[in-house]
Protein backbone atom coordinates (compact mmCIF):
# COMPACT_ATOMS: atom_id res chain seq x y z
CA MET A 1 0.08 -27.50 17.95
CA SER A 2 -2.88 -25.27 18.67
CA THR A 3 -4.41 -23.62 21.65
CA ALA A 4 -8.01 -22.68 22.37
CA GLN A 5 -8.59 -19.06 23.28
CA GLY A 6 -12.02 -17.55 23.78
CA GLY A 7 -13.63 -20.58 22.17
CA THR A 8 -11.58 -20.21 19.00
CA THR A 9 -8.82 -22.53 17.89
CA VAL A 10 -5.62 -20.62 17.16
CA SER A 11 -2.72 -22.24 15.35
CA ASP A 12 0.77 -21.50 16.60
CA ARG A 13 1.93 -21.71 12.98
CA ARG A 14 0.72 -18.64 11.18
CA PRO A 15 1.51 -17.95 7.52
CA ARG A 16 3.76 -15.15 6.44
CA LEU A 17 1.72 -12.31 4.96
CA ASP A 18 3.68 -11.01 1.98
CA SER A 19 1.02 -8.40 1.23
CA LEU A 20 2.04 -6.58 4.40
CA THR A 21 5.69 -6.73 3.35
CA GLY A 22 4.66 -5.00 0.14
CA LEU A 23 2.77 -2.35 2.09
CA ARG A 24 5.97 -1.48 3.93
CA TRP A 25 7.44 -0.27 0.66
CA TRP A 26 4.55 2.10 -0.08
CA ALA A 27 4.79 3.54 3.43
CA ALA A 28 8.54 4.10 3.01
CA LEU A 29 7.95 5.67 -0.41
CA ALA A 30 5.43 8.07 1.14
CA VAL A 31 8.05 9.23 3.66
CA PHE A 32 10.52 9.65 0.78
CA ALA A 33 8.00 11.84 -1.08
CA HIS A 34 7.59 13.96 2.05
CA HIS A 35 11.32 14.59 2.32
CA MET A 36 11.65 15.33 -1.38
CA THR A 37 9.37 18.35 -0.93
CA ASN A 38 12.32 19.95 0.87
CA PHE A 39 14.59 19.48 -2.16
CA ALA A 40 12.55 19.41 -5.37
CA PRO A 41 8.95 20.45 -4.60
CA LEU A 42 6.14 19.58 -6.98
CA PRO A 43 3.04 21.75 -7.37
CA ILE A 44 1.29 19.17 -5.17
CA HIS A 45 3.94 19.46 -2.45
CA GLY A 46 1.26 20.18 0.17
CA PRO A 47 -0.46 16.78 -0.09
CA LEU A 48 2.90 15.06 -0.48
CA LYS A 49 3.89 16.29 2.97
CA LEU A 50 1.25 13.93 4.31
CA GLY A 51 3.75 11.23 3.41
CA ALA A 52 5.25 11.82 6.83
CA GLN A 53 2.28 9.82 8.12
CA GLY A 54 3.95 6.74 6.69
CA VAL A 55 5.64 6.61 10.08
CA ALA A 56 2.26 6.02 11.75
CA PHE A 57 1.65 3.19 9.29
CA PHE A 58 4.99 1.64 10.29
CA PHE A 59 4.13 1.81 13.99
CA VAL A 60 0.80 0.05 13.53
CA LEU A 61 2.28 -2.49 11.12
CA SER A 62 5.19 -3.20 13.48
CA GLY A 63 2.83 -4.11 16.30
CA PHE A 64 0.77 -6.27 13.95
CA VAL A 65 3.66 -8.20 12.41
CA LEU A 66 5.46 -8.85 15.70
CA THR A 67 2.28 -10.19 17.28
CA TRP A 68 1.22 -12.17 14.23
CA SER A 69 4.63 -13.86 13.94
CA ALA A 70 5.14 -14.40 17.69
CA ARG A 71 5.83 -17.99 18.71
CA PRO A 72 5.15 -19.42 22.17
CA GLY A 73 8.10 -20.42 24.30
CA VAL A 74 10.57 -17.82 23.00
CA PRO A 75 12.40 -16.34 26.03
CA VAL A 76 12.01 -12.61 26.50
CA SER A 77 15.79 -12.16 26.36
CA THR A 78 15.87 -13.93 23.00
CA PHE A 79 13.08 -11.72 21.66
CA TYR A 80 14.96 -8.60 22.74
CA PHE A 81 18.21 -9.81 21.20
CA ARG A 82 16.51 -10.63 17.91
CA ARG A 83 15.02 -7.16 17.77
CA PHE A 84 18.45 -5.68 18.46
CA ALA A 85 19.97 -7.81 15.70
CA ARG A 86 17.20 -6.72 13.36
CA ILE A 87 17.47 -2.95 13.65
CA TRP A 88 20.71 -1.83 15.30
CA PRO A 89 23.53 -2.93 12.95
CA ALA A 90 21.93 -1.40 9.84
CA ASN A 91 21.07 1.71 11.84
CA MET A 92 24.70 2.18 12.84
CA VAL A 93 25.94 1.92 9.26
CA ALA A 94 23.22 4.35 8.13
CA LEU A 95 24.26 6.74 10.91
CA LEU A 96 27.85 6.73 9.69
CA LEU A 97 26.64 7.47 6.17
CA ALA A 98 24.45 10.30 7.45
CA ILE A 99 27.04 12.14 9.53
CA PRO A 100 28.74 13.94 6.59
CA VAL A 101 25.33 15.29 5.50
CA PHE A 102 23.64 16.06 8.81
CA VAL A 103 26.49 16.86 11.22
CA GLY A 104 28.78 19.85 10.85
CA PRO A 105 29.28 23.51 11.75
CA PRO A 106 26.36 25.47 13.23
CA ALA A 107 23.45 25.44 10.83
CA ASP A 108 22.78 28.39 8.57
CA THR A 109 19.53 29.38 6.88
CA ASP A 110 20.27 27.23 3.83
CA ASN A 111 21.28 24.10 5.70
CA SER A 112 18.97 24.23 8.71
CA TRP A 113 18.96 20.43 9.00
CA VAL A 114 22.66 20.35 9.96
CA ARG A 115 23.39 19.88 13.67
CA PRO A 116 26.76 20.49 15.38
CA LEU A 117 28.87 17.52 16.39
CA SER A 118 28.32 16.84 20.09
CA ALA A 119 27.83 14.11 22.66
CA VAL A 120 24.13 14.24 21.78
CA LEU A 121 25.01 11.95 18.88
CA LEU A 122 25.52 9.14 21.39
CA LEU A 123 21.79 9.18 22.09
CA SER A 124 21.26 8.14 18.47
CA VAL A 125 23.65 5.24 19.00
CA LEU A 126 21.71 4.16 22.09
CA LEU A 127 18.32 4.81 20.43
CA LEU A 128 17.30 7.23 23.15
CA HIS A 129 17.10 10.47 21.15
CA GLY A 130 13.37 10.15 20.50
CA TRP A 131 12.66 10.69 24.20
CA SER A 132 13.77 14.32 23.98
CA ARG A 133 11.44 17.22 23.25
CA ASP A 134 14.32 19.16 21.65
CA ASN A 135 14.35 18.73 17.88
CA ASP A 136 18.11 19.26 17.79
CA VAL A 137 18.35 16.07 19.84
CA VAL A 138 15.53 14.12 18.19
CA PHE A 139 16.89 14.72 14.68
CA SER A 140 20.57 14.48 15.52
CA GLY A 141 22.71 12.19 13.39
CA ASN A 142 20.43 10.40 10.95
CA PRO A 143 17.12 12.31 11.29
CA ALA A 144 15.12 9.32 10.06
CA SER A 145 16.24 7.22 13.02
CA TRP A 146 14.16 9.03 15.64
CA THR A 147 11.42 6.50 14.96
CA LEU A 148 13.77 3.68 15.94
CA SER A 149 14.01 5.01 19.48
CA LEU A 150 10.22 4.71 19.66
CA GLU A 151 10.33 1.24 18.16
CA ALA A 152 12.95 0.19 20.72
CA PHE A 153 10.56 1.22 23.50
CA PHE A 154 7.70 -0.59 21.78
CA TYR A 155 9.83 -3.73 21.60
CA LEU A 156 10.49 -3.53 25.34
CA THR A 157 6.76 -3.54 26.02
CA HIS A 158 5.75 -6.15 23.46
CA PRO A 159 6.33 -9.40 25.39
CA TRP A 160 4.33 -8.14 28.36
CA ILE A 161 1.45 -6.66 26.37
CA ASP A 162 1.32 -9.78 24.20
CA ARG A 163 1.15 -11.93 27.31
CA VAL A 164 -1.90 -9.97 28.51
CA LEU A 165 -3.53 -10.14 25.07
CA GLY A 166 -2.87 -13.87 24.96
CA ARG A 167 -5.12 -14.33 27.98
CA ALA A 168 -7.93 -12.28 26.46
CA GLY A 169 -10.82 -13.87 24.63
CA ARG A 170 -12.26 -12.51 21.42
CA ARG A 171 -14.82 -10.20 23.02
CA VAL A 172 -12.31 -8.62 25.36
CA ALA A 173 -9.76 -8.23 22.57
CA LEU A 174 -12.36 -6.63 20.30
CA GLY A 175 -13.29 -4.26 23.10
CA VAL A 176 -9.65 -3.25 23.44
CA LEU A 177 -9.29 -2.87 19.66
CA PHE A 178 -12.17 -0.39 19.39
CA ALA A 179 -11.36 1.34 22.69
CA LEU A 180 -7.78 2.20 21.76
CA PRO A 181 -8.62 4.93 19.19
CA VAL A 182 -11.25 6.36 21.54
CA LEU A 183 -8.82 6.54 24.43
CA ALA A 184 -6.16 8.00 22.15
CA ALA A 185 -8.64 10.65 21.00
CA VAL A 186 -9.37 11.59 24.60
CA LEU A 187 -5.64 11.85 25.28
CA TYR A 188 -4.93 14.03 22.26
CA LEU A 189 -7.86 16.33 23.00
CA ALA A 190 -6.75 16.61 26.63
CA ARG A 191 -3.22 17.51 25.49
CA SER A 192 -4.56 20.72 23.97
CA GLU A 193 -6.01 21.69 27.37
CA ILE A 194 -3.56 20.27 29.92
CA PRO A 195 0.01 21.60 29.56
CA ALA A 196 1.53 18.67 31.49
CA LEU A 197 0.30 16.23 28.84
CA GLN A 198 2.06 18.22 26.12
CA ASP A 199 5.37 17.10 27.59
CA LEU A 200 4.63 13.40 27.21
CA PRO A 201 7.62 11.75 25.51
CA ARG A 202 6.96 10.60 21.98
CA PRO A 203 7.47 6.89 22.76
CA VAL A 204 4.78 7.00 25.44
CA LEU A 205 2.42 9.18 23.41
CA ARG A 206 2.55 6.93 20.37
CA LEU A 207 2.60 3.54 22.07
CA TRP A 208 -1.12 3.20 21.39
CA GLU A 209 -0.42 2.93 17.64
CA PHE A 210 1.82 -0.08 18.22
CA CYS A 211 -0.78 -1.57 20.58
CA LEU A 212 -3.46 -1.04 17.93
CA GLY A 213 -1.47 -3.20 15.53
CA MET A 214 -0.85 -5.80 18.23
CA THR A 215 -4.53 -6.04 19.13
CA LEU A 216 -5.57 -6.19 15.49
CA ALA A 217 -3.27 -9.18 14.92
CA HIS A 218 -4.62 -10.83 18.05
CA VAL A 219 -8.28 -10.60 17.06
CA ILE A 220 -7.49 -11.92 13.57
CA ARG A 221 -5.65 -14.92 14.96
CA LEU A 222 -8.67 -15.51 17.20
CA GLY A 223 -10.73 -15.85 14.04
CA TRP A 224 -12.39 -12.40 13.80
CA ARG A 225 -12.26 -11.72 10.07
CA PRO A 226 -15.28 -9.84 8.71
CA LEU A 227 -14.90 -8.90 5.06
CA VAL A 228 -13.44 -5.45 4.39
CA PRO A 229 -12.62 -5.04 0.68
CA VAL A 230 -9.18 -3.60 -0.02
CA PRO A 231 -10.57 -0.79 -2.26
CA LEU A 232 -12.86 0.28 0.58
CA ALA A 233 -9.99 0.42 3.06
CA LEU A 234 -7.76 2.33 0.64
CA GLY A 235 -10.62 4.68 -0.14
CA ALA A 236 -11.14 5.35 3.57
CA LEU A 237 -7.45 6.18 3.97
CA ALA A 238 -7.55 8.45 0.92
CA VAL A 239 -10.62 10.28 2.24
CA VAL A 240 -8.99 10.72 5.64
CA CYS A 241 -5.80 12.14 4.10
CA ALA A 242 -7.76 14.42 1.76
CA GLY A 243 -9.89 15.66 4.65
CA ILE A 244 -6.88 16.37 6.84
CA PHE A 245 -5.21 18.31 4.04
CA LEU A 246 -8.26 20.18 2.72
CA GLY A 247 -10.21 20.63 5.95
CA PRO A 248 -8.20 23.54 7.40
CA ILE A 249 -8.20 25.22 3.96
CA THR A 250 -11.77 24.81 2.79
CA ALA A 251 -13.66 24.76 6.09
CA PRO A 252 -11.43 26.29 8.79
CA GLU A 253 -14.31 27.06 11.17
CA VAL A 254 -15.72 23.55 11.01
CA TRP A 255 -12.21 22.15 11.35
CA ALA A 256 -11.62 24.22 14.47
CA ASN A 257 -15.07 23.64 16.00
CA LEU A 258 -14.82 19.87 15.60
CA ARG A 259 -11.24 20.00 16.88
CA LEU A 260 -10.12 17.76 14.05
CA GLY A 261 -6.57 19.09 14.18
CA PRO A 262 -5.73 17.40 17.50
CA LEU A 263 -7.57 14.27 16.32
CA ALA A 264 -5.59 13.85 13.09
CA PRO A 265 -2.86 11.79 14.85
CA VAL A 266 -5.61 9.38 15.90
CA ILE A 267 -7.63 9.23 12.69
CA ILE A 268 -4.69 8.43 10.41
CA PRO A 269 -3.29 5.44 12.36
CA THR A 270 -6.82 4.06 12.67
CA ALA A 271 -7.27 4.27 8.89
CA CYS A 272 -3.85 2.63 8.47
CA ALA A 273 -5.00 -0.24 10.70
CA LEU A 274 -8.04 -0.70 8.45
CA VAL A 275 -5.78 -0.99 5.39
CA ILE A 276 -3.52 -3.52 7.15
CA TYR A 277 -6.58 -5.54 8.16
CA ALA A 278 -8.03 -5.54 4.64
CA TYR A 279 -4.80 -6.64 2.98
CA GLY A 280 -3.94 -9.21 5.64
CA THR A 281 -7.34 -10.90 5.71
CA ARG A 282 -7.57 -10.92 1.91
CA GLU A 283 -4.29 -12.83 1.73
CA LEU A 284 -5.43 -15.20 4.47
CA ARG A 285 -8.57 -15.98 2.46
CA GLY A 286 -6.38 -16.64 -0.56
CA ILE A 287 -4.21 -19.00 1.47
CA ALA A 288 -7.28 -20.80 2.85
CA ASP A 289 -8.88 -21.44 -0.54
CA GLY A 290 -5.61 -21.99 -2.40
CA SER A 291 -6.29 -19.20 -4.86
CA GLY A 292 -3.24 -17.14 -3.92
CA ARG A 293 -5.29 -13.95 -3.79
CA GLY A 294 -3.59 -11.00 -2.22
CA VAL A 295 0.00 -12.13 -2.79
CA PRO A 296 1.93 -9.20 -4.30
CA PRO A 297 4.43 -9.56 -7.15
CA ARG A 298 7.95 -10.60 -6.25
CA TRP A 299 9.42 -7.18 -7.05
CA LEU A 300 7.11 -5.54 -4.52
CA ILE A 301 7.99 -8.11 -1.86
CA ALA A 302 11.68 -7.42 -2.51
CA LEU A 303 11.17 -3.66 -2.17
CA GLY A 304 9.26 -4.28 1.04
CA GLU A 305 12.16 -6.34 2.36
CA TRP A 306 14.52 -3.47 1.54
CA SER A 307 12.16 -0.86 2.96
CA TYR A 308 13.82 -0.66 6.38
CA ALA A 309 17.20 0.00 4.78
CA PHE A 310 15.56 2.42 2.34
CA TYR A 311 13.96 4.30 5.21
CA LEU A 312 17.35 4.60 6.92
CA VAL A 313 19.27 5.97 3.93
CA HIS A 314 16.79 7.90 1.82
CA ALA A 315 17.02 11.16 3.77
CA THR A 316 20.81 11.08 3.50
CA VAL A 317 20.54 10.82 -0.28
CA VAL A 318 17.81 13.50 -0.52
CA TYR A 319 19.57 16.10 1.60
CA GLY A 320 22.96 15.17 0.18
CA CYS A 321 21.56 16.05 -3.24
CA ARG A 322 20.26 19.32 -1.89
CA VAL A 323 23.73 20.18 -0.55
CA VAL A 324 25.23 19.52 -3.98
CA PHE A 325 22.53 20.93 -6.26
CA GLY A 326 20.66 23.36 -4.00
CA LEU A 327 16.92 23.78 -3.52
CA GLN A 328 15.15 23.25 -6.83
CA PRO A 329 12.41 25.60 -8.06
CA MET A 330 8.92 24.19 -7.87
CA GLY A 331 7.65 22.56 -11.03
CA TRP A 332 6.45 19.35 -12.64
CA ILE A 333 9.93 18.83 -14.11
CA ASN A 334 10.88 17.74 -10.61
CA VAL A 335 9.16 14.43 -11.29
CA LEU A 336 12.39 13.58 -13.10
CA VAL A 337 14.37 14.70 -10.07
CA TYR A 338 12.27 12.40 -7.88
CA ALA A 339 13.17 9.48 -10.15
CA ALA A 340 16.83 10.50 -10.25
CA VAL A 341 17.02 10.52 -6.43
CA LEU A 342 14.83 7.46 -5.92
CA VAL A 343 17.01 5.13 -7.99
CA PRO A 344 20.27 5.62 -6.04
CA SER A 345 18.30 5.51 -2.79
CA ILE A 346 16.95 2.08 -3.74
CA VAL A 347 20.39 0.87 -4.83
CA LEU A 348 21.95 2.02 -1.56
CA ALA A 349 19.09 0.41 0.38
CA TRP A 350 19.64 -2.86 -1.49
CA ALA A 351 23.34 -2.80 -0.64
CA LEU A 352 22.66 -2.05 3.03
CA HIS A 353 20.10 -4.85 3.18
CA VAL A 354 22.18 -7.46 1.36
CA PHE A 355 25.60 -6.74 2.85
CA VAL A 356 24.73 -5.55 6.37
CA GLU A 357 21.15 -5.91 7.54
CA ARG A 358 20.43 -9.48 6.47
CA PRO A 359 23.83 -11.20 7.02
CA VAL A 360 24.61 -9.51 10.34
CA GLU A 361 21.15 -10.29 11.68
CA LYS A 362 21.53 -13.93 10.69
CA ARG A 363 24.94 -14.22 12.32
CA LEU A 364 23.82 -12.57 15.54
CA ARG A 365 20.70 -14.71 15.75
CA ARG A 366 22.71 -17.85 15.08
CA TRP A 367 25.16 -16.89 17.84
CA LYS A 368 22.33 -16.30 20.31
CA ASP A 369 20.52 -19.51 19.36
CA ASP A 370 23.70 -21.56 19.75
CA ARG A 371 24.36 -19.91 23.10
CA ASP A 372 20.83 -20.69 24.28
CA LYS A 373 21.21 -24.33 23.19
CA ARG A 374 24.48 -24.70 25.09
CA ARG A 375 22.94 -23.21 28.23
CA SER A 376 19.91 -25.46 27.93
CA ALA A 377 22.11 -28.53 27.49
CA ALA A 378 24.20 -27.53 30.49
CA ARG A 379 21.09 -27.13 32.66
CA GLN A 380 19.74 -30.50 31.57
CA ALA A 381 23.07 -32.15 32.36
CA ALA A 382 23.14 -30.53 35.80
CA ASP A 383 19.60 -31.77 36.55
CA ARG A 384 20.50 -35.38 35.86
């Protein structure tokens, strides 16, 4: 089945893009490297802190993948339940694992990441903690999970935004795609001048990143696929990251005059979108010509599939190691420490994925699908 939109034929059956699954792993690894700077810093710990921007990559990629894989006719309630089944069970297990590391007596100077046990923890259970402006709330429980509260909000908006995008032709969709970073730039610049905008909740402030990924997927499925080589896209991202790190150091006056600081949260997600586009369209070309170009090796696909679980547990392992071994002195020897912490983090992520994330999601989805079938059969019987 296919539908015509904006003069372009769009198939309802879109191929899975394994290259994007592989990219999820590199984004998760970047976040891991960022957190490791707080336990075993390397001499390049400054640039490694940019790994925190892996979160922006996840937001853009989430919007892209959900829109690319969307199928017509799926009820909104079913979409919401599938998203719940996808993220919540593994998050709850990861929260229980994190509590011994991140929840305890009032924090001291050595364990500043520890928060006292309080009812605030329930916000993590409900995925509402990311709406707070108080870091003691945002990072309560498992500190990595604050992004999930943003994702939960993004999921709520997805069916409605996707419905609007589905009515847009290619020109309109392209206009939205290129307007989103511009509008985000205006917003971020205005935040530095208008105090009221500084209080915008994180989910609202960062929704544009998710929408950027959604719109990118939409224009690709409408057939807009100009060639962007993967090395060029990666180079652009590298230049952006280098500029954001070196700019305030090497050219502080230029940095301040151009107001690049407030624009960094716009430039990075835009560069991430370019990388996602380059990898996705390269794989689509490989699928079209049968060459298999762009398909990553199986080990990278597997790591990408475990990346959500890895993201949930890695901070617990990193800070748990710091509790046991203390803050390590800076040095290149810490490369070995990185490896020593990475391996158990991957093993724990694999276990969470295999024994919780994947089987529980399947069971919940099967239960919901069976329930929907029974309701549909009952309605059909009543109409006869």
